[in-house]
Amino acid sequence: MNAPVGPIGPHDKILRTYTEPEVTALLRELHERGRPLGLQWGSITVSEPTIDGRLLVDFGDAPVSTLLNLLTLLREQARQ
């Protein structure tokens, strides 16, 4: 799974390729990377239903693009 190059929007076609297990793994990574920075979402999960074929992440029904963009920021912060 390649990391996005820059911020992606909620309608990016790449989002249709993510499966529930992949998104669940990304959520685990968000928990691990975010914990030392105080970013914690105890109830964050993959949400049902999908919108236009895109999975949602349930922390306010955010699209997967929000999850990917958050992870990109955390990964960049870890490299510094």
PDB file of N, CA and C in Angstrom:
ATOM      1  N   MET A   1       0.845  -1.167   0.000  1.00  0.00           N
ATOM      2  CA  MET A   1       0.000   0.000   0.000  1.00  0.00           C
ATOM      3  C   MET A   1       0.893   1.232   0.000  1.00  0.00           C
ATOM      4  N   ASN A   2       0.816   2.050  -1.006  1.00  0.00           N
ATOM      5  CA  ASN A   2       1.634   3.246  -1.106  1.00  0.00           C
ATOM      6  C   ASN A   2       0.972   4.412  -0.412  1.00  0.00           C
ATOM      7  N   ALA A   3       1.787   5.240   0.230  1.00  0.00           N
ATOM      8  CA  ALA A   3       1.272   6.436   0.880  1.00  0.00           C
ATOM      9  C   ALA A   3       0.959   7.487  -0.174  1.00  0.00           C
ATOM     10  N   PRO A   4      -0.091   8.272   0.044  1.00  0.00           N
ATOM     11  CA  PRO A   4      -0.393   9.336  -0.906  1.00  0.00           C
ATOM     12  C   PRO A   4       0.723  10.373  -0.937  1.00  0.00           C
ATOM     13  N   VAL A   5       0.922  11.002  -2.083  1.00  0.00           N
ATOM     14  CA  VAL A   5       1.974  11.998  -2.251  1.00  0.00           C
ATOM     15  C   VAL A   5       1.605  13.300  -1.553  1.00  0.00           C
ATOM     16  N   GLY A   6       0.391  13.722  -1.645  1.00  0.00           N
ATOM     17  CA  GLY A   6      -0.072  14.946  -1.013  1.00  0.00           C
ATOM     18  C   GLY A   6      -1.480  14.730  -0.503  1.00  0.00           C
ATOM     19  N   PRO A   7      -2.093  15.786   0.035  1.00  0.00           N
ATOM     20  CA  PRO A   7      -3.465  15.620   0.517  1.00  0.00           C
ATOM     21  C   PRO A   7      -4.381  15.122  -0.595  1.00  0.00           C
ATOM     22  N   ILE A   8      -5.245  14.219  -0.241  1.00  0.00           N
ATOM     23  CA  ILE A   8      -6.204  13.711  -1.217  1.00  0.00           C
ATOM     24  C   ILE A   8      -7.604  14.111  -0.780  1.00  0.00           C
ATOM     25  N   GLY A   9      -8.458  14.303  -1.736  1.00  0.00           N
ATOM     26  CA  GLY A   9      -9.826  14.697  -1.454  1.00  0.00           C
ATOM     27  C   GLY A   9     -10.729  13.495  -1.260  1.00  0.00           C
ATOM     28  N   PRO A  10     -11.901  13.715  -0.670  1.00  0.00           N
ATOM     29  CA  PRO A  10     -12.807  12.606  -0.399  1.00  0.00           C
ATOM     30  C   PRO A  10     -13.372  11.937  -1.644  1.00  0.00           C
ATOM     31  N   HIS A  11     -13.182  12.541  -2.809  1.00  0.00           N
ATOM     32  CA  HIS A  11     -13.717  11.947  -4.042  1.00  0.00           C
ATOM     33  C   HIS A  11     -12.625  11.348  -4.929  1.00  0.00           C
ATOM     34  N   ASP A  12     -11.404  11.248  -4.400  1.00  0.00           N
ATOM     35  CA  ASP A  12     -10.301  10.682  -5.164  1.00  0.00           C
ATOM     36  C   ASP A  12     -10.613   9.228  -5.515  1.00  0.00           C
ATOM     37  N   LYS A  13     -10.371   8.851  -6.741  1.00  0.00           N
ATOM     38  CA  LYS A  13     -10.706   7.499  -7.215  1.00  0.00           C
ATOM     39  C   LYS A  13      -9.947   6.402  -6.469  1.00  0.00           C
ATOM     40  N   ILE A  14      -8.760   6.708  -5.949  1.00  0.00           N
ATOM     41  CA  ILE A  14      -7.974   5.697  -5.228  1.00  0.00           C
ATOM     42  C   ILE A  14      -8.735   5.167  -4.015  1.00  0.00           C
ATOM     43  N   LEU A  15      -9.615   5.966  -3.451  1.00  0.00           N
ATOM     44  CA  LEU A  15     -10.342   5.557  -2.248  1.00  0.00           C
ATOM     45  C   LEU A  15     -11.248   4.364  -2.498  1.00  0.00           C
ATOM     46  N   ARG A  16     -11.669   4.170  -3.724  1.00  0.00           N
ATOM     47  CA  ARG A  16     -12.540   3.036  -4.037  1.00  0.00           C
ATOM     48  C   ARG A  16     -11.784   1.705  -3.987  1.00  0.00           C
ATOM     49  N   THR A  17     -10.460   1.754  -3.945  1.00  0.00           N
ATOM     50  CA  THR A  17      -9.671   0.525  -3.942  1.00  0.00           C
ATOM     51  C   THR A  17      -9.402   0.000  -2.536  1.00  0.00           C
ATOM     52  N   TYR A  18      -9.647   0.799  -1.513  1.00  0.00           N
ATOM     53  CA  TYR A  18      -9.365   0.368  -0.144  1.00  0.00           C
ATOM     54  C   TYR A  18     -10.447  -0.580   0.350  1.00  0.00           C
ATOM     55  N   THR A  19     -10.008  -1.673   0.953  1.00  0.00           N
ATOM     56  CA  THR A  19     -10.926  -2.653   1.524  1.00  0.00           C
ATOM     57  C   THR A  19     -11.061  -2.394   3.018  1.00  0.00           C
ATOM     58  N   GLU A  20     -12.051  -2.999   3.610  1.00  0.00           N
ATOM     59  CA  GLU A  20     -12.258  -2.829   5.055  1.00  0.00           C
ATOM     60  C   GLU A  20     -11.043  -3.296   5.868  1.00  0.00           C
ATOM     61  N   PRO A  21     -10.422  -4.447   5.551  1.00  0.00           N
ATOM     62  CA  PRO A  21      -9.222  -4.843   6.304  1.00  0.00           C
ATOM     63  C   PRO A  21      -8.075  -3.836   6.156  1.00  0.00           C
ATOM     64  N   GLU A  22      -7.908  -3.257   4.975  1.00  0.00           N
ATOM     65  CA  GLU A  22      -6.855  -2.263   4.783  1.00  0.00           C
ATOM     66  C   GLU A  22      -7.128  -1.007   5.610  1.00  0.00           C
ATOM     67  N   VAL A  23      -8.370  -0.572   5.618  1.00  0.00           N
ATOM     68  CA  VAL A  23      -8.715   0.617   6.395  1.00  0.00           C
ATOM     69  C   VAL A  23      -8.567   0.331   7.889  1.00  0.00           C
ATOM     70  N   THR A  24      -8.935  -0.862   8.312  1.00  0.00           N
ATOM     71  CA  THR A  24      -8.766  -1.239   9.716  1.00  0.00           C
ATOM     72  C   THR A  24      -7.288  -1.203  10.102  1.00  0.00           C
ATOM     73  N   ALA A  25      -6.408  -1.671   9.223  1.00  0.00           N
ATOM     74  CA  ALA A  25      -4.962  -1.613   9.483  1.00  0.00           C
ATOM     75  C   ALA A  25      -4.486  -0.165   9.563  1.00  0.00           C
ATOM     76  N   LEU A  26      -5.015   0.699   8.707  1.00  0.00           N
ATOM     77  CA  LEU A  26      -4.658   2.118   8.759  1.00  0.00           C
ATOM     78  C   LEU A  26      -5.140   2.750  10.064  1.00  0.00           C
ATOM     79  N   LEU A  27      -6.299   2.344  10.535  1.00  0.00           N
ATOM     80  CA  LEU A  27      -6.797   2.852  11.812  1.00  0.00           C
ATOM     81  C   LEU A  27      -5.890   2.427  12.963  1.00  0.00           C
ATOM     82  N   ARG A  28      -5.415   1.182  12.915  1.00  0.00           N
ATOM     83  CA  ARG A  28      -4.472   0.724  13.946  1.00  0.00           C
ATOM     84  C   ARG A  28      -3.200   1.567  13.922  1.00  0.00           C
ATOM     85  N   GLU A  29      -2.721   1.859  12.715  1.00  0.00           N
ATOM     86  CA  GLU A  29      -1.521   2.687  12.592  1.00  0.00           C
ATOM     87  C   GLU A  29      -1.787   4.091  13.146  1.00  0.00           C
ATOM     88  N   LEU A  30      -2.963   4.636  12.879  1.00  0.00           N
ATOM     89  CA  LEU A  30      -3.312   5.952  13.407  1.00  0.00           C
ATOM     90  C   LEU A  30      -3.286   5.934  14.930  1.00  0.00           C
ATOM     91  N   HIS A  31      -3.836   4.882  15.533  1.00  0.00           N
ATOM     92  CA  HIS A  31      -3.808   4.756  16.991  1.00  0.00           C
ATOM     93  C   HIS A  31      -2.369   4.728  17.504  1.00  0.00           C
ATOM     94  N   GLU A  32      -1.525   3.918  16.880  1.00  0.00           N
ATOM     95  CA  GLU A  32      -0.141   3.769  17.328  1.00  0.00           C
ATOM     96  C   GLU A  32       0.655   5.058  17.168  1.00  0.00           C
ATOM     97  N   ARG A  33       0.544   5.677  16.004  1.00  0.00           N
ATOM     98  CA  ARG A  33       1.307   6.907  15.749  1.00  0.00           C
ATOM     99  C   ARG A  33       0.739   8.107  16.503  1.00  0.00           C
ATOM    100  N   GLY A  34      -0.563   8.120  16.699  1.00  0.00           N
ATOM    101  CA  GLY A  34      -1.190   9.262  17.344  1.00  0.00           C
ATOM    102  C   GLY A  34      -1.113   9.253  18.861  1.00  0.00           C
ATOM    103  N   ARG A  35      -1.027   8.081  19.447  1.00  0.00           N
ATOM    104  CA  ARG A  35      -1.031   7.960  20.907  1.00  0.00           C
ATOM    105  C   ARG A  35       0.041   8.826  21.579  1.00  0.00           C
ATOM    106  N   PRO A  36       1.305   8.787  21.127  1.00  0.00           N
ATOM    107  CA  PRO A  36       2.319   9.622  21.787  1.00  0.00           C
ATOM    108  C   PRO A  36       2.050  11.127  21.659  1.00  0.00           C
ATOM    109  N   LEU A  37       1.243  11.501  20.678  1.00  0.00           N
ATOM    110  CA  LEU A  37       0.929  12.912  20.456  1.00  0.00           C
ATOM    111  C   LEU A  37      -0.405  13.310  21.078  1.00  0.00           C
ATOM    112  N   GLY A  38      -1.032  12.378  21.781  1.00  0.00           N
ATOM    113  CA  GLY A  38      -2.307  12.670  22.421  1.00  0.00           C
ATOM    114  C   GLY A  38      -3.507  12.550  21.516  1.00  0.00           C
ATOM    115  N   LEU A  39      -3.323  11.990  20.318  1.00  0.00           N
ATOM    116  CA  LEU A  39      -4.445  11.786  19.397  1.00  0.00           C
ATOM    117  C   LEU A  39      -5.035  10.411  19.674  1.00  0.00           C
ATOM    118  N   GLN A  40      -6.193  10.384  20.300  1.00  0.00           N
ATOM    119  CA  GLN A  40      -6.809   9.115  20.656  1.00  0.00           C
ATOM    120  C   GLN A  40      -8.280   9.134  20.325  1.00  0.00           C
ATOM    121  N   TRP A  41      -8.711   8.105  19.630  1.00  0.00           N
ATOM    122  CA  TRP A  41     -10.116   7.907  19.326  1.00  0.00           C
ATOM    123  C   TRP A  41     -10.459   6.480  19.705  1.00  0.00           C
ATOM    124  N   GLY A  42     -11.005   6.297  20.896  1.00  0.00           N
ATOM    125  CA  GLY A  42     -11.288   4.955  21.385  1.00  0.00           C
ATOM    126  C   GLY A  42     -12.326   4.214  20.578  1.00  0.00           C
ATOM    127  N   SER A  43     -13.243   4.933  19.979  1.00  0.00           N
ATOM    128  CA  SER A  43     -14.339   4.265  19.272  1.00  0.00           C
ATOM    129  C   SER A  43     -14.228   4.372  17.760  1.00  0.00           C
ATOM    130  N   ILE A  44     -13.075   4.749  17.250  1.00  0.00           N
ATOM    131  CA  ILE A  44     -12.915   4.898  15.804  1.00  0.00           C
ATOM    132  C   ILE A  44     -13.007   3.527  15.133  1.00  0.00           C
ATOM    133  N   THR A  45     -13.834   3.447  14.121  1.00  0.00           N
ATOM    134  CA  THR A  45     -14.047   2.187  13.407  1.00  0.00           C
ATOM    135  C   THR A  45     -14.375   2.476  11.951  1.00  0.00           C
ATOM    136  N   VAL A  46     -14.369   1.427  11.161  1.00  0.00           N
ATOM    137  CA  VAL A  46     -14.876   1.539   9.799  1.00  0.00           C
ATOM    138  C   VAL A  46     -16.388   1.622   9.918  1.00  0.00           C
ATOM    139  N   SER A  47     -16.980   2.567   9.225  1.00  0.00           N
ATOM    140  CA  SER A  47     -18.403   2.857   9.379  1.00  0.00           C
ATOM    141  C   SER A  47     -19.218   2.244   8.255  1.00  0.00           C
ATOM    142  N   GLU A  48     -20.445   1.950   8.538  1.00  0.00           N
ATOM    143  CA  GLU A  48     -21.430   1.540   7.540  1.00  0.00           C
ATOM    144  C   GLU A  48     -22.492   2.606   7.511  1.00  0.00           C
ATOM    145  N   PRO A  49     -23.136   2.898   6.487  1.00  0.00           N
ATOM    146  CA  PRO A  49     -22.915   2.358   5.150  1.00  0.00           C
ATOM    147  C   PRO A  49     -21.804   3.112   4.434  1.00  0.00           C
ATOM    148  N   THR A  50     -21.547   2.700   3.237  1.00  0.00           N
ATOM    149  CA  THR A  50     -20.602   3.432   2.403  1.00  0.00           C
ATOM    150  C   THR A  50     -21.352   4.547   1.685  1.00  0.00           C
ATOM    151  N   ILE A  51     -20.630   5.507   1.198  1.00  0.00           N
ATOM    152  CA  ILE A  51     -21.227   6.568   0.390  1.00  0.00           C
ATOM    153  C   ILE A  51     -20.592   6.489  -0.984  1.00  0.00           C
ATOM    154  N   ASP A  52     -21.398   6.256  -1.972  1.00  0.00           N
ATOM    155  CA  ASP A  52     -20.937   6.192  -3.360  1.00  0.00           C
ATOM    156  C   ASP A  52     -19.755   5.232  -3.519  1.00  0.00           C
ATOM    157  N   GLY A  53     -19.815   4.089  -2.825  1.00  0.00           N
ATOM    158  CA  GLY A  53     -18.771   3.080  -2.937  1.00  0.00           C
ATOM    159  C   GLY A  53     -17.536   3.343  -2.106  1.00  0.00           C
ATOM    160  N   ARG A  54     -17.539   4.400  -1.308  1.00  0.00           N
ATOM    161  CA  ARG A  54     -16.374   4.729  -0.490  1.00  0.00           C
ATOM    162  C   ARG A  54     -16.655   4.369   0.960  1.00  0.00           C
ATOM    163  N   LEU A  55     -15.702   3.688   1.602  1.00  0.00           N
ATOM    164  CA  LEU A  55     -15.834   3.390   3.021  1.00  0.00           C
ATOM    165  C   LEU A  55     -15.680   4.669   3.818  1.00  0.00           C
ATOM    166  N   LEU A  56     -16.376   4.735   4.942  1.00  0.00           N
ATOM    167  CA  LEU A  56     -16.246   5.866   5.857  1.00  0.00           C
ATOM    168  C   LEU A  56     -15.579   5.390   7.131  1.00  0.00           C
ATOM    169  N   VAL A  57     -14.930   6.307   7.820  1.00  0.00           N
ATOM    170  CA  VAL A  57     -14.346   6.028   9.121  1.00  0.00           C
ATOM    171  C   VAL A  57     -15.202   6.774  10.132  1.00  0.00           C
ATOM    172  N   ASP A  58     -15.627   6.072  11.160  1.00  0.00           N
ATOM    173  CA  ASP A  58     -16.557   6.656  12.112  1.00  0.00           C
ATOM    174  C   ASP A  58     -15.823   7.406  13.221  1.00  0.00           C
ATOM    175  N   PHE A  59     -15.413   8.611  12.929  1.00  0.00           N
ATOM    176  CA  PHE A  59     -15.124   9.609  13.957  1.00  0.00           C
ATOM    177  C   PHE A  59     -15.716  10.898  13.418  1.00  0.00           C
ATOM    178  N   GLY A  60     -17.042  10.865  13.348  1.00  0.00           N
ATOM    179  CA  GLY A  60     -17.796  11.940  12.742  1.00  0.00           C
ATOM    180  C   GLY A  60     -18.073  11.654  11.277  1.00  0.00           C
ATOM    181  N   ASP A  61     -18.103  10.363  10.911  1.00  0.00           N
ATOM    182  CA  ASP A  61     -18.340   9.937   9.529  1.00  0.00           C
ATOM    183  C   ASP A  61     -17.401  10.616   8.541  1.00  0.00           C
ATOM    184  N   ALA A  62     -16.150  10.647   8.884  1.00  0.00           N
ATOM    185  CA  ALA A  62     -15.134  11.219   8.006  1.00  0.00           C
ATOM    186  C   ALA A  62     -14.823  10.239   6.885  1.00  0.00           C
ATOM    187  N   PRO A  63     -14.511  10.740   5.697  1.00  0.00           N
ATOM    188  CA  PRO A  63     -14.112   9.843   4.619  1.00  0.00           C
ATOM    189  C   PRO A  63     -12.716   9.282   4.874  1.00  0.00           C
ATOM    190  N   VAL A  64     -12.402   8.199   4.231  1.00  0.00           N
ATOM    191  CA  VAL A  64     -11.091   7.569   4.370  1.00  0.00           C
ATOM    192  C   VAL A  64      -9.984   8.563   4.011  1.00  0.00           C
ATOM    193  N   SER A  65     -10.270   9.513   3.140  1.00  0.00           N
ATOM    194  CA  SER A  65      -9.253  10.511   2.781  1.00  0.00           C
ATOM    195  C   SER A  65      -8.771  11.276   4.013  1.00  0.00           C
ATOM    196  N   THR A  66      -9.662  11.534   4.965  1.00  0.00           N
ATOM    197  CA  THR A  66      -9.256  12.217   6.196  1.00  0.00           C
ATOM    198  C   THR A  66      -8.276  11.355   6.975  1.00  0.00           C
ATOM    199  N   LEU A  67      -8.552  10.068   7.064  1.00  0.00           N
ATOM    200  CA  LEU A  67      -7.648   9.132   7.732  1.00  0.00           C
ATOM    201  C   LEU A  67      -6.288   9.118   7.046  1.00  0.00           C
ATOM    202  N   LEU A  68      -6.276   9.024   5.728  1.00  0.00           N
ATOM    203  CA  LEU A  68      -5.013   8.977   4.987  1.00  0.00           C
ATOM    204  C   LEU A  68      -4.225  10.281   5.150  1.00  0.00           C
ATOM    205  N   ASN A  69      -4.917  11.408   5.119  1.00  0.00           N
ATOM    206  CA  ASN A  69      -4.233  12.688   5.282  1.00  0.00           C
ATOM    207  C   ASN A  69      -3.674  12.843   6.692  1.00  0.00           C
ATOM    208  N   LEU A  70      -4.411  12.392   7.713  1.00  0.00           N
ATOM    209  CA  LEU A  70      -3.887  12.422   9.082  1.00  0.00           C
ATOM    210  C   LEU A  70      -2.642  11.547   9.206  1.00  0.00           C
ATOM    211  N   LEU A  71      -2.704  10.354   8.636  1.00  0.00           N
ATOM    212  CA  LEU A  71      -1.545   9.459   8.701  1.00  0.00           C
ATOM    213  C   LEU A  71      -0.346  10.052   7.976  1.00  0.00           C
ATOM    214  N   THR A  72      -0.569  10.721   6.860  1.00  0.00           N
ATOM    215  CA  THR A  72       0.522  11.358   6.144  1.00  0.00           C
ATOM    216  C   THR A  72       1.198  12.390   7.025  1.00  0.00           C
ATOM    217  N   LEU A  73       0.402  13.194   7.716  1.00  0.00           N
ATOM    218  CA  LEU A  73       0.971  14.202   8.628  1.00  0.00           C
ATOM    219  C   LEU A  73       1.766  13.555   9.761  1.00  0.00           C
ATOM    220  N   LEU A  74       1.227  12.483  10.329  1.00  0.00           N
ATOM    221  CA  LEU A  74       1.926  11.806  11.421  1.00  0.00           C
ATOM    222  C   LEU A  74       3.205  11.144  10.942  1.00  0.00           C
ATOM    223  N   ARG A  75       3.171  10.567   9.752  1.00  0.00           N
ATOM    224  CA  ARG A  75       4.390   9.942   9.195  1.00  0.00           C
ATOM    225  C   ARG A  75       5.454  10.998   8.926  1.00  0.00           C
ATOM    226  N   GLU A  76       5.067  12.134   8.386  1.00  0.00           N
ATOM    227  CA  GLU A  76       6.024  13.206   8.126  1.00  0.00           C
ATOM    228  C   GLU A  76       6.611  13.736   9.429  1.00  0.00           C
ATOM    229  N   GLN A  77       5.785  13.860  10.453  1.00  0.00           N
ATOM    230  CA  GLN A  77       6.254  14.338  11.761  1.00  0.00           C
ATOM    231  C   GLN A  77       7.254  13.355  12.350  1.00  0.00           C
ATOM    232  N   ALA A  78       7.034  12.067  12.169  1.00  0.00           N
ATOM    233  CA  ALA A  78       7.927  11.048  12.713  1.00  0.00           C
ATOM    234  C   ALA A  78       9.291  11.075  12.038  1.00  0.00           C
ATOM    235  N   ARG A  79       9.347  11.499  10.769  1.00  0.00           N
ATOM    236  CA  ARG A  79      10.612  11.554  10.047  1.00  0.00           C
ATOM    237  C   ARG A  79      11.467  12.752  10.453  1.00  0.00           C
ATOM    238  N   GLN A  80      10.853  13.736  11.075  1.00  0.00           N
ATOM    239  CA  GLN A  80      11.600  14.956  11.433  1.00  0.00           C
ATOM    240  C   GLN A  80      12.355  14.786  12.712  1.00  0.00           C
TER     241      GLN A  80
END
